[in-house]
Amino acid sequence: MKKSTLWILLVAILVVAVAIIIIWNPFKSSTGSAVLEGSTFSNTGDSIARDSEGKPYVILFSTTWCPHCIWIKDTFDSLIQEDFASQVNIQHWELDTGDNTITPEIETEVPAEITALYEKYNPQGSIPTFVFGGKYTRVGNGYERQKDLAAEKQDFELVIEKLLE
């Protein structure tokens, strides 16, 4: 094969790869909403979903067998210890067991209104899925490739602060 043909093939592959990255933006929500500034979460444009006490929901949907869920669960669950925990309704639902790991009780079924949030913001059913007030969402972990749990926690805190503004 000639060098010029090889270069043309290489350039064509590069153009296709760039086009795929532009079309498939991993930080774009399924609705095409913009990424929340300084965060890996997407802004859905929806109004904030609140519980009966008026607190915004902050929810992680995971399973017990998913390695990505296992990687993030302790960092997410530690949010219950934060000062703003009294201002938001933090829940972590393991979809395969039906348990909210934040509570001391062992639940066996995810409530219908919580399942509806999961299905609305992640119709593909991927995990982990984060729904912060229904206004900000993310499917997958934002900093797992870098193995940076501190950055994940900072991202969670940033989004919760935006919910509380």
N, C-alpha and C. Protein backbone atom coordinates (compact mmCIF):
# COMPACT_ATOMS: atom_id res chain seq x y z
N MET A 1 0.84 -1.17 0.00
CA MET A 1 0.00 0.00 0.00
C MET A 1 0.90 1.24 0.00
N LYS A 2 0.54 2.23 -0.77
CA LYS A 2 1.31 3.46 -0.85
C LYS A 2 1.15 4.28 0.42
N LYS A 3 2.16 5.10 0.70
CA LYS A 3 2.09 5.96 1.88
C LYS A 3 0.92 6.93 1.78
N SER A 4 0.66 7.48 0.61
CA SER A 4 -0.44 8.46 0.45
C SER A 4 -1.79 7.79 0.72
N THR A 5 -1.98 6.57 0.28
CA THR A 5 -3.23 5.85 0.54
C THR A 5 -3.40 5.58 2.03
N LEU A 6 -2.32 5.24 2.67
CA LEU A 6 -2.35 5.00 4.11
C LEU A 6 -2.72 6.27 4.87
N TRP A 7 -2.16 7.39 4.45
CA TRP A 7 -2.49 8.67 5.10
C TRP A 7 -3.94 9.05 4.89
N ILE A 8 -4.46 8.82 3.69
CA ILE A 8 -5.87 9.13 3.41
C ILE A 8 -6.77 8.27 4.28
N LEU A 9 -6.44 7.00 4.43
CA LEU A 9 -7.21 6.10 5.28
C LEU A 9 -7.16 6.55 6.74
N LEU A 10 -6.00 6.93 7.20
CA LEU A 10 -5.84 7.40 8.58
C LEU A 10 -6.65 8.67 8.83
N VAL A 11 -6.62 9.61 7.90
CA VAL A 11 -7.39 10.85 8.03
C VAL A 11 -8.88 10.55 8.02
N ALA A 12 -9.32 9.64 7.16
CA ALA A 12 -10.73 9.27 7.11
C ALA A 12 -11.19 8.67 8.43
N ILE A 13 -10.39 7.82 9.02
CA ILE A 13 -10.72 7.22 10.32
C ILE A 13 -10.81 8.31 11.39
N LEU A 14 -9.89 9.24 11.37
CA LEU A 14 -9.89 10.34 12.34
C LEU A 14 -11.14 11.20 12.19
N VAL A 15 -11.53 11.51 10.96
CA VAL A 15 -12.74 12.31 10.71
C VAL A 15 -13.98 11.59 11.24
N VAL A 16 -14.07 10.31 10.98
CA VAL A 16 -15.21 9.52 11.47
C VAL A 16 -15.23 9.51 13.00
N ALA A 17 -14.08 9.34 13.63
CA ALA A 17 -14.01 9.32 15.10
C ALA A 17 -14.45 10.65 15.68
N VAL A 18 -14.02 11.76 15.11
CA VAL A 18 -14.42 13.09 15.59
C VAL A 18 -15.92 13.28 15.41
N ALA A 19 -16.45 12.85 14.28
CA ALA A 19 -17.90 12.97 14.04
C ALA A 19 -18.69 12.17 15.07
N ILE A 20 -18.23 10.99 15.40
CA ILE A 20 -18.92 10.17 16.41
C ILE A 20 -18.90 10.87 17.77
N ILE A 21 -17.77 11.45 18.14
CA ILE A 21 -17.67 12.15 19.42
C ILE A 21 -18.60 13.35 19.45
N ILE A 22 -18.69 14.08 18.36
CA ILE A 22 -19.57 15.25 18.30
C ILE A 22 -21.03 14.83 18.39
N ILE A 23 -21.39 13.78 17.68
CA ILE A 23 -22.78 13.32 17.69
C ILE A 23 -23.14 12.67 19.01
N TRP A 24 -22.26 11.82 19.53
CA TRP A 24 -22.52 11.13 20.78
C TRP A 24 -21.75 11.81 21.89
N ASN A 25 -22.36 12.81 22.49
CA ASN A 25 -21.74 13.55 23.58
C ASN A 25 -22.08 12.83 24.89
N PRO A 26 -21.10 12.23 25.60
CA PRO A 26 -21.41 11.48 26.81
C PRO A 26 -21.95 12.34 27.94
N PHE A 27 -21.80 13.67 27.86
CA PHE A 27 -22.30 14.54 28.91
C PHE A 27 -23.60 15.22 28.51
N LYS A 28 -24.25 14.72 27.48
CA LYS A 28 -25.52 15.27 27.06
C LYS A 28 -26.62 14.34 27.53
N SER A 29 -27.67 14.90 28.11
CA SER A 29 -28.76 14.06 28.57
C SER A 29 -29.55 13.52 27.39
N SER A 30 -30.45 12.58 27.67
CA SER A 30 -31.25 11.99 26.60
C SER A 30 -32.17 13.03 25.97
N THR A 31 -32.44 14.12 26.69
CA THR A 31 -33.28 15.17 26.14
C THR A 31 -32.46 16.21 25.40
N GLY A 32 -31.14 16.06 25.42
CA GLY A 32 -30.28 16.99 24.72
C GLY A 32 -29.98 18.25 25.51
N SER A 33 -30.29 18.26 26.79
CA SER A 33 -30.08 19.43 27.62
C SER A 33 -28.60 19.68 27.86
N ALA A 34 -28.29 20.91 28.14
CA ALA A 34 -26.90 21.30 28.38
C ALA A 34 -26.41 20.73 29.71
N VAL A 35 -25.12 20.56 29.81
CA VAL A 35 -24.49 20.11 31.04
C VAL A 35 -24.53 21.26 32.04
N LEU A 36 -24.78 20.94 33.29
CA LEU A 36 -24.73 21.93 34.35
C LEU A 36 -23.29 22.43 34.46
N GLU A 37 -23.09 23.73 34.42
CA GLU A 37 -21.76 24.33 34.47
C GLU A 37 -20.95 23.80 35.65
N GLY A 38 -19.74 23.31 35.38
CA GLY A 38 -18.85 22.81 36.42
C GLY A 38 -19.20 21.43 36.94
N SER A 39 -20.07 20.73 36.22
CA SER A 39 -20.56 19.44 36.70
C SER A 39 -20.67 18.45 35.55
N THR A 40 -20.80 17.18 35.91
CA THR A 40 -21.05 16.14 34.92
C THR A 40 -22.55 15.84 34.79
N PHE A 41 -23.38 16.58 35.52
CA PHE A 41 -24.82 16.40 35.49
C PHE A 41 -25.44 17.24 34.37
N SER A 42 -26.51 16.72 33.79
CA SER A 42 -27.28 17.46 32.79
C SER A 42 -28.44 18.17 33.45
N ASN A 43 -28.77 19.34 32.94
CA ASN A 43 -29.93 20.08 33.39
C ASN A 43 -31.09 19.66 32.49
N THR A 44 -32.11 19.07 33.08
CA THR A 44 -33.24 18.56 32.30
C THR A 44 -34.18 19.68 31.86
N GLY A 45 -34.12 20.82 32.54
CA GLY A 45 -35.06 21.89 32.26
C GLY A 45 -36.38 21.72 32.98
N ASP A 46 -36.54 20.61 33.70
CA ASP A 46 -37.77 20.36 34.46
C ASP A 46 -37.74 21.14 35.76
N SER A 47 -38.93 21.36 36.33
CA SER A 47 -38.98 21.95 37.66
C SER A 47 -38.56 20.89 38.68
N ILE A 48 -38.22 21.32 39.86
CA ILE A 48 -37.66 20.43 40.88
C ILE A 48 -38.74 19.50 41.44
N ALA A 49 -38.47 18.20 41.43
CA ALA A 49 -39.36 17.19 42.02
C ALA A 49 -39.10 17.16 43.52
N ARG A 50 -40.17 17.29 44.29
CA ARG A 50 -40.05 17.37 45.75
C ARG A 50 -40.93 16.32 46.43
N ASP A 51 -40.53 15.97 47.66
CA ASP A 51 -41.34 15.04 48.44
C ASP A 51 -42.48 15.80 49.10
N SER A 52 -43.27 15.12 49.92
CA SER A 52 -44.44 15.74 50.56
C SER A 52 -44.07 16.84 51.55
N GLU A 53 -42.81 16.87 52.01
CA GLU A 53 -42.33 17.92 52.91
C GLU A 53 -41.71 19.09 52.15
N GLY A 54 -41.69 19.01 50.82
CA GLY A 54 -41.13 20.08 50.01
C GLY A 54 -39.63 19.96 49.76
N LYS A 55 -39.01 18.86 50.20
CA LYS A 55 -37.57 18.66 49.99
C LYS A 55 -37.32 18.07 48.60
N PRO A 56 -36.31 18.57 47.89
CA PRO A 56 -35.98 17.97 46.60
C PRO A 56 -35.42 16.55 46.78
N TYR A 57 -35.77 15.68 45.87
CA TYR A 57 -35.22 14.33 45.88
C TYR A 57 -33.77 14.34 45.39
N VAL A 58 -32.91 13.58 46.04
CA VAL A 58 -31.54 13.32 45.62
C VAL A 58 -31.41 11.80 45.65
N ILE A 59 -31.44 11.18 44.46
CA ILE A 59 -31.59 9.73 44.40
C ILE A 59 -30.50 9.09 43.54
N LEU A 60 -29.98 7.99 44.05
CA LEU A 60 -29.11 7.10 43.27
C LEU A 60 -29.88 5.81 43.04
N PHE A 61 -29.94 5.38 41.78
CA PHE A 61 -30.50 4.07 41.43
C PHE A 61 -29.32 3.18 41.05
N SER A 62 -29.25 2.02 41.70
CA SER A 62 -28.12 1.11 41.47
C SER A 62 -28.60 -0.33 41.59
N THR A 63 -27.65 -1.25 41.54
CA THR A 63 -27.91 -2.66 41.86
C THR A 63 -26.75 -3.16 42.71
N THR A 64 -26.95 -4.30 43.32
CA THR A 64 -25.90 -4.88 44.17
C THR A 64 -24.79 -5.51 43.36
N TRP A 65 -25.04 -5.85 42.10
CA TRP A 65 -24.07 -6.57 41.28
C TRP A 65 -23.27 -5.69 40.32
N CYS A 66 -23.65 -4.44 40.16
CA CYS A 66 -23.01 -3.54 39.20
C CYS A 66 -21.70 -2.97 39.77
N PRO A 67 -20.55 -3.21 39.13
CA PRO A 67 -19.28 -2.72 39.67
C PRO A 67 -19.21 -1.19 39.72
N HIS A 68 -19.87 -0.51 38.79
CA HIS A 68 -19.87 0.96 38.79
C HIS A 68 -20.70 1.50 39.95
N CYS A 69 -21.78 0.79 40.26
CA CYS A 69 -22.63 1.16 41.40
C CYS A 69 -21.90 0.93 42.72
N ILE A 70 -21.21 -0.19 42.81
CA ILE A 70 -20.44 -0.51 44.01
C ILE A 70 -19.35 0.54 44.23
N TRP A 71 -18.72 0.98 43.15
CA TRP A 71 -17.64 1.97 43.25
C TRP A 71 -18.14 3.28 43.86
N ILE A 72 -19.36 3.70 43.53
CA ILE A 72 -19.84 5.03 43.93
C ILE A 72 -20.72 5.00 45.18
N LYS A 73 -21.23 3.85 45.58
CA LYS A 73 -22.29 3.82 46.60
C LYS A 73 -21.89 4.42 47.94
N ASP A 74 -20.71 4.12 48.45
CA ASP A 74 -20.33 4.66 49.76
C ASP A 74 -20.17 6.18 49.72
N THR A 75 -19.65 6.70 48.61
CA THR A 75 -19.50 8.15 48.47
C THR A 75 -20.86 8.81 48.42
N PHE A 76 -21.78 8.24 47.66
CA PHE A 76 -23.14 8.80 47.60
C PHE A 76 -23.82 8.69 48.96
N ASP A 77 -23.76 7.51 49.56
CA ASP A 77 -24.43 7.29 50.84
C ASP A 77 -23.89 8.21 51.94
N SER A 78 -22.64 8.63 51.83
CA SER A 78 -22.06 9.53 52.84
C SER A 78 -22.70 10.91 52.82
N LEU A 79 -23.44 11.24 51.75
CA LEU A 79 -24.11 12.54 51.68
C LEU A 79 -25.10 12.72 52.83
N ILE A 80 -25.62 11.62 53.35
CA ILE A 80 -26.59 11.70 54.44
C ILE A 80 -25.96 12.33 55.68
N GLN A 81 -24.62 12.30 55.77
CA GLN A 81 -23.91 12.89 56.90
C GLN A 81 -23.70 14.40 56.74
N GLU A 82 -23.91 14.94 55.55
CA GLU A 82 -23.64 16.35 55.27
C GLU A 82 -24.70 17.26 55.89
N ASP A 83 -24.33 18.53 56.06
CA ASP A 83 -25.23 19.52 56.66
C ASP A 83 -26.53 19.70 55.88
N PHE A 84 -26.47 19.62 54.56
CA PHE A 84 -27.67 19.85 53.75
C PHE A 84 -28.60 18.64 53.72
N ALA A 85 -28.21 17.55 54.36
CA ALA A 85 -29.03 16.33 54.33
C ALA A 85 -30.42 16.57 54.92
N SER A 86 -30.54 17.54 55.81
CA SER A 86 -31.86 17.85 56.38
C SER A 86 -32.71 18.66 55.39
N GLN A 87 -32.08 19.16 54.32
CA GLN A 87 -32.80 20.01 53.35
C GLN A 87 -33.20 19.27 52.09
N VAL A 88 -32.66 18.07 51.88
CA VAL A 88 -33.00 17.27 50.70
C VAL A 88 -33.38 15.86 51.14
N ASN A 89 -34.11 15.18 50.30
CA ASN A 89 -34.55 13.82 50.56
C ASN A 89 -33.60 12.87 49.84
N ILE A 90 -32.59 12.39 50.54
CA ILE A 90 -31.57 11.52 49.95
C ILE A 90 -32.04 10.07 50.02
N GLN A 91 -32.01 9.40 48.86
CA GLN A 91 -32.40 8.00 48.76
C GLN A 91 -31.43 7.27 47.85
N HIS A 92 -31.16 6.02 48.18
CA HIS A 92 -30.31 5.16 47.33
C HIS A 92 -31.04 3.83 47.17
N TRP A 93 -31.64 3.65 46.01
CA TRP A 93 -32.44 2.47 45.75
C TRP A 93 -31.64 1.43 44.96
N GLU A 94 -31.49 0.26 45.55
CA GLU A 94 -30.91 -0.88 44.86
C GLU A 94 -32.07 -1.58 44.15
N LEU A 95 -32.08 -1.48 42.84
CA LEU A 95 -33.22 -1.94 42.06
C LEU A 95 -33.43 -3.45 42.11
N ASP A 96 -32.36 -4.20 42.29
CA ASP A 96 -32.51 -5.67 42.32
C ASP A 96 -33.04 -6.18 43.66
N THR A 97 -32.86 -5.42 44.73
CA THR A 97 -33.37 -5.85 46.04
C THR A 97 -34.59 -5.05 46.47
N GLY A 98 -34.79 -3.87 45.87
CA GLY A 98 -35.90 -2.99 46.26
C GLY A 98 -35.62 -2.25 47.55
N ASP A 99 -34.36 -2.20 47.99
CA ASP A 99 -34.01 -1.59 49.27
C ASP A 99 -33.44 -0.18 49.09
N ASN A 100 -33.87 0.72 49.99
CA ASN A 100 -33.27 2.04 50.08
C ASN A 100 -32.16 1.92 51.13
N THR A 101 -30.91 1.93 50.71
CA THR A 101 -29.80 1.67 51.61
C THR A 101 -29.57 2.79 52.62
N ILE A 102 -30.21 3.92 52.43
CA ILE A 102 -30.05 5.05 53.35
C ILE A 102 -30.82 4.80 54.65
N THR A 103 -31.91 4.07 54.57
CA THR A 103 -32.74 3.84 55.75
C THR A 103 -32.29 2.58 56.50
N PRO A 104 -32.57 2.51 57.81
CA PRO A 104 -32.20 1.31 58.56
C PRO A 104 -33.12 0.12 58.24
N GLU A 105 -34.34 0.40 57.74
CA GLU A 105 -35.26 -0.67 57.38
C GLU A 105 -34.79 -1.36 56.10
N ILE A 106 -35.23 -2.59 55.93
CA ILE A 106 -34.97 -3.32 54.70
C ILE A 106 -36.26 -3.29 53.88
N GLU A 107 -36.26 -2.45 52.86
CA GLU A 107 -37.42 -2.39 51.97
C GLU A 107 -37.27 -3.50 50.93
N THR A 108 -38.39 -3.87 50.32
CA THR A 108 -38.35 -4.92 49.30
C THR A 108 -38.92 -4.46 47.97
N GLU A 109 -39.35 -3.20 47.91
CA GLU A 109 -39.94 -2.69 46.67
C GLU A 109 -39.73 -1.19 46.58
N VAL A 110 -39.31 -0.73 45.42
CA VAL A 110 -39.14 0.71 45.18
C VAL A 110 -40.54 1.30 45.01
N PRO A 111 -40.87 2.38 45.73
CA PRO A 111 -42.20 3.00 45.59
C PRO A 111 -42.47 3.44 44.15
N ALA A 112 -43.71 3.40 43.75
CA ALA A 112 -44.11 3.72 42.37
C ALA A 112 -43.67 5.12 41.95
N GLU A 113 -43.79 6.11 42.84
CA GLU A 113 -43.43 7.48 42.46
C GLU A 113 -41.91 7.62 42.24
N ILE A 114 -41.13 6.81 42.95
CA ILE A 114 -39.67 6.82 42.78
C ILE A 114 -39.30 6.07 41.50
N THR A 115 -39.96 4.96 41.25
CA THR A 115 -39.75 4.22 40.00
C THR A 115 -40.08 5.10 38.80
N ALA A 116 -41.13 5.90 38.92
CA ALA A 116 -41.53 6.79 37.82
C ALA A 116 -40.42 7.80 37.52
N LEU A 117 -39.73 8.30 38.54
CA LEU A 117 -38.61 9.22 38.32
C LEU A 117 -37.48 8.52 37.57
N TYR A 118 -37.17 7.31 37.98
CA TYR A 118 -36.12 6.52 37.32
C TYR A 118 -36.46 6.32 35.84
N GLU A 119 -37.67 5.90 35.58
CA GLU A 119 -38.08 5.63 34.21
C GLU A 119 -38.15 6.89 33.36
N LYS A 120 -38.54 8.01 33.96
CA LYS A 120 -38.63 9.26 33.22
C LYS A 120 -37.23 9.75 32.80
N TYR A 121 -36.28 9.69 33.71
CA TYR A 121 -34.96 10.27 33.44
C TYR A 121 -33.94 9.27 32.91
N ASN A 122 -34.34 8.00 32.84
CA ASN A 122 -33.45 7.00 32.25
C ASN A 122 -34.29 5.89 31.63
N PRO A 123 -34.97 6.18 30.52
CA PRO A 123 -35.83 5.16 29.92
C PRO A 123 -35.07 3.93 29.43
N GLN A 124 -33.74 4.04 29.24
CA GLN A 124 -32.95 2.89 28.82
C GLN A 124 -32.71 1.92 29.98
N GLY A 125 -32.88 2.37 31.22
CA GLY A 125 -32.73 1.51 32.38
C GLY A 125 -31.29 1.25 32.79
N SER A 126 -30.38 2.16 32.45
CA SER A 126 -28.97 2.00 32.80
C SER A 126 -28.73 2.31 34.27
N ILE A 127 -27.62 1.79 34.78
CA ILE A 127 -27.22 2.06 36.16
C ILE A 127 -25.72 2.32 36.19
N PRO A 128 -25.25 3.07 37.15
CA PRO A 128 -26.01 3.86 38.10
C PRO A 128 -26.67 5.07 37.43
N THR A 129 -27.80 5.46 37.99
CA THR A 129 -28.52 6.64 37.54
C THR A 129 -28.72 7.56 38.73
N PHE A 130 -28.44 8.84 38.51
CA PHE A 130 -28.59 9.85 39.55
C PHE A 130 -29.69 10.81 39.13
N VAL A 131 -30.67 11.03 40.02
CA VAL A 131 -31.75 11.99 39.78
C VAL A 131 -31.73 12.96 40.95
N PHE A 132 -31.28 14.17 40.68
CA PHE A 132 -31.20 15.19 41.71
C PHE A 132 -32.31 16.20 41.46
N GLY A 133 -33.42 16.00 42.17
CA GLY A 133 -34.56 16.89 42.06
C GLY A 133 -35.29 16.80 40.73
N GLY A 134 -34.91 15.85 39.87
CA GLY A 134 -35.51 15.79 38.55
C GLY A 134 -35.04 16.91 37.65
N LYS A 135 -34.33 17.86 38.22
CA LYS A 135 -33.80 18.98 37.44
C LYS A 135 -32.42 18.65 36.89
N TYR A 136 -31.66 17.88 37.64
CA TYR A 136 -30.31 17.49 37.23
C TYR A 136 -30.20 15.97 37.27
N THR A 137 -29.67 15.39 36.22
CA THR A 137 -29.54 13.94 36.15
C THR A 137 -28.20 13.55 35.54
N ARG A 138 -27.85 12.31 35.80
CA ARG A 138 -26.65 11.74 35.18
C ARG A 138 -26.80 10.23 35.17
N VAL A 139 -26.43 9.62 34.06
CA VAL A 139 -26.37 8.17 33.95
C VAL A 139 -24.90 7.81 33.92
N GLY A 140 -24.48 6.99 34.87
CA GLY A 140 -23.07 6.61 34.97
C GLY A 140 -22.32 7.52 35.93
N ASN A 141 -21.09 7.15 36.18
CA ASN A 141 -20.23 7.92 37.08
C ASN A 141 -19.44 8.94 36.26
N GLY A 142 -19.22 10.10 36.85
CA GLY A 142 -18.52 11.16 36.14
C GLY A 142 -17.01 11.08 36.22
N TYR A 143 -16.48 10.48 37.28
CA TYR A 143 -15.04 10.51 37.52
C TYR A 143 -14.45 9.13 37.81
N GLU A 144 -15.16 8.08 37.43
CA GLU A 144 -14.68 6.73 37.71
C GLU A 144 -13.42 6.41 36.93
N ARG A 145 -13.33 6.87 35.70
CA ARG A 145 -12.12 6.59 34.90
C ARG A 145 -10.87 7.13 35.58
N GLN A 146 -11.02 8.26 36.27
CA GLN A 146 -9.89 8.85 36.99
C GLN A 146 -9.75 8.28 38.39
N LYS A 147 -10.68 7.41 38.78
CA LYS A 147 -10.72 6.84 40.14
C LYS A 147 -10.75 7.95 41.20
N ASP A 148 -11.57 8.96 40.96
CA ASP A 148 -11.58 10.16 41.79
C ASP A 148 -12.91 10.31 42.53
N LEU A 149 -13.03 9.62 43.65
CA LEU A 149 -14.25 9.71 44.45
C LEU A 149 -14.44 11.09 45.06
N ALA A 150 -13.35 11.80 45.35
CA ALA A 150 -13.45 13.16 45.90
C ALA A 150 -14.12 14.08 44.88
N ALA A 151 -13.78 13.94 43.61
CA ALA A 151 -14.41 14.76 42.56
C ALA A 151 -15.89 14.41 42.43
N GLU A 152 -16.22 13.13 42.56
CA GLU A 152 -17.63 12.72 42.52
C GLU A 152 -18.40 13.42 43.65
N LYS A 153 -17.85 13.38 44.85
CA LYS A 153 -18.53 13.99 45.99
C LYS A 153 -18.68 15.50 45.79
N GLN A 154 -17.64 16.15 45.29
CA GLN A 154 -17.73 17.59 45.02
C GLN A 154 -18.82 17.88 44.00
N ASP A 155 -18.93 17.03 42.99
CA ASP A 155 -19.97 17.20 41.97
C ASP A 155 -21.35 17.06 42.61
N PHE A 156 -21.54 16.04 43.45
CA PHE A 156 -22.82 15.87 44.14
C PHE A 156 -23.15 17.12 44.96
N GLU A 157 -22.18 17.61 45.71
CA GLU A 157 -22.41 18.78 46.56
C GLU A 157 -22.75 20.02 45.73
N LEU A 158 -22.07 20.20 44.61
CA LEU A 158 -22.35 21.33 43.72
C LEU A 158 -23.79 21.29 43.23
N VAL A 159 -24.24 20.12 42.80
CA VAL A 159 -25.59 19.99 42.27
C VAL A 159 -26.62 20.18 43.38
N ILE A 160 -26.37 19.65 44.55
CA ILE A 160 -27.30 19.84 45.68
C ILE A 160 -27.38 21.32 46.03
N GLU A 161 -26.26 22.00 46.06
CA GLU A 161 -26.29 23.45 46.33
C GLU A 161 -27.11 24.19 45.28
N LYS A 162 -27.02 23.78 44.00
CA LYS A 162 -27.84 24.40 42.94
C LYS A 162 -29.32 24.15 43.20
N LEU A 163 -29.65 22.94 43.68
CA LEU A 163 -31.05 22.62 43.99
C LEU A 163 -31.59 23.52 45.10
N LEU A 164 -30.73 23.86 46.03
CA LEU A 164 -31.17 24.61 47.22
C LEU A 164 -31.13 26.12 47.02
N GLU A 165 -30.66 26.59 45.88
CA GLU A 165 -30.59 28.06 45.63
C GLU A 165 -31.97 28.67 45.56
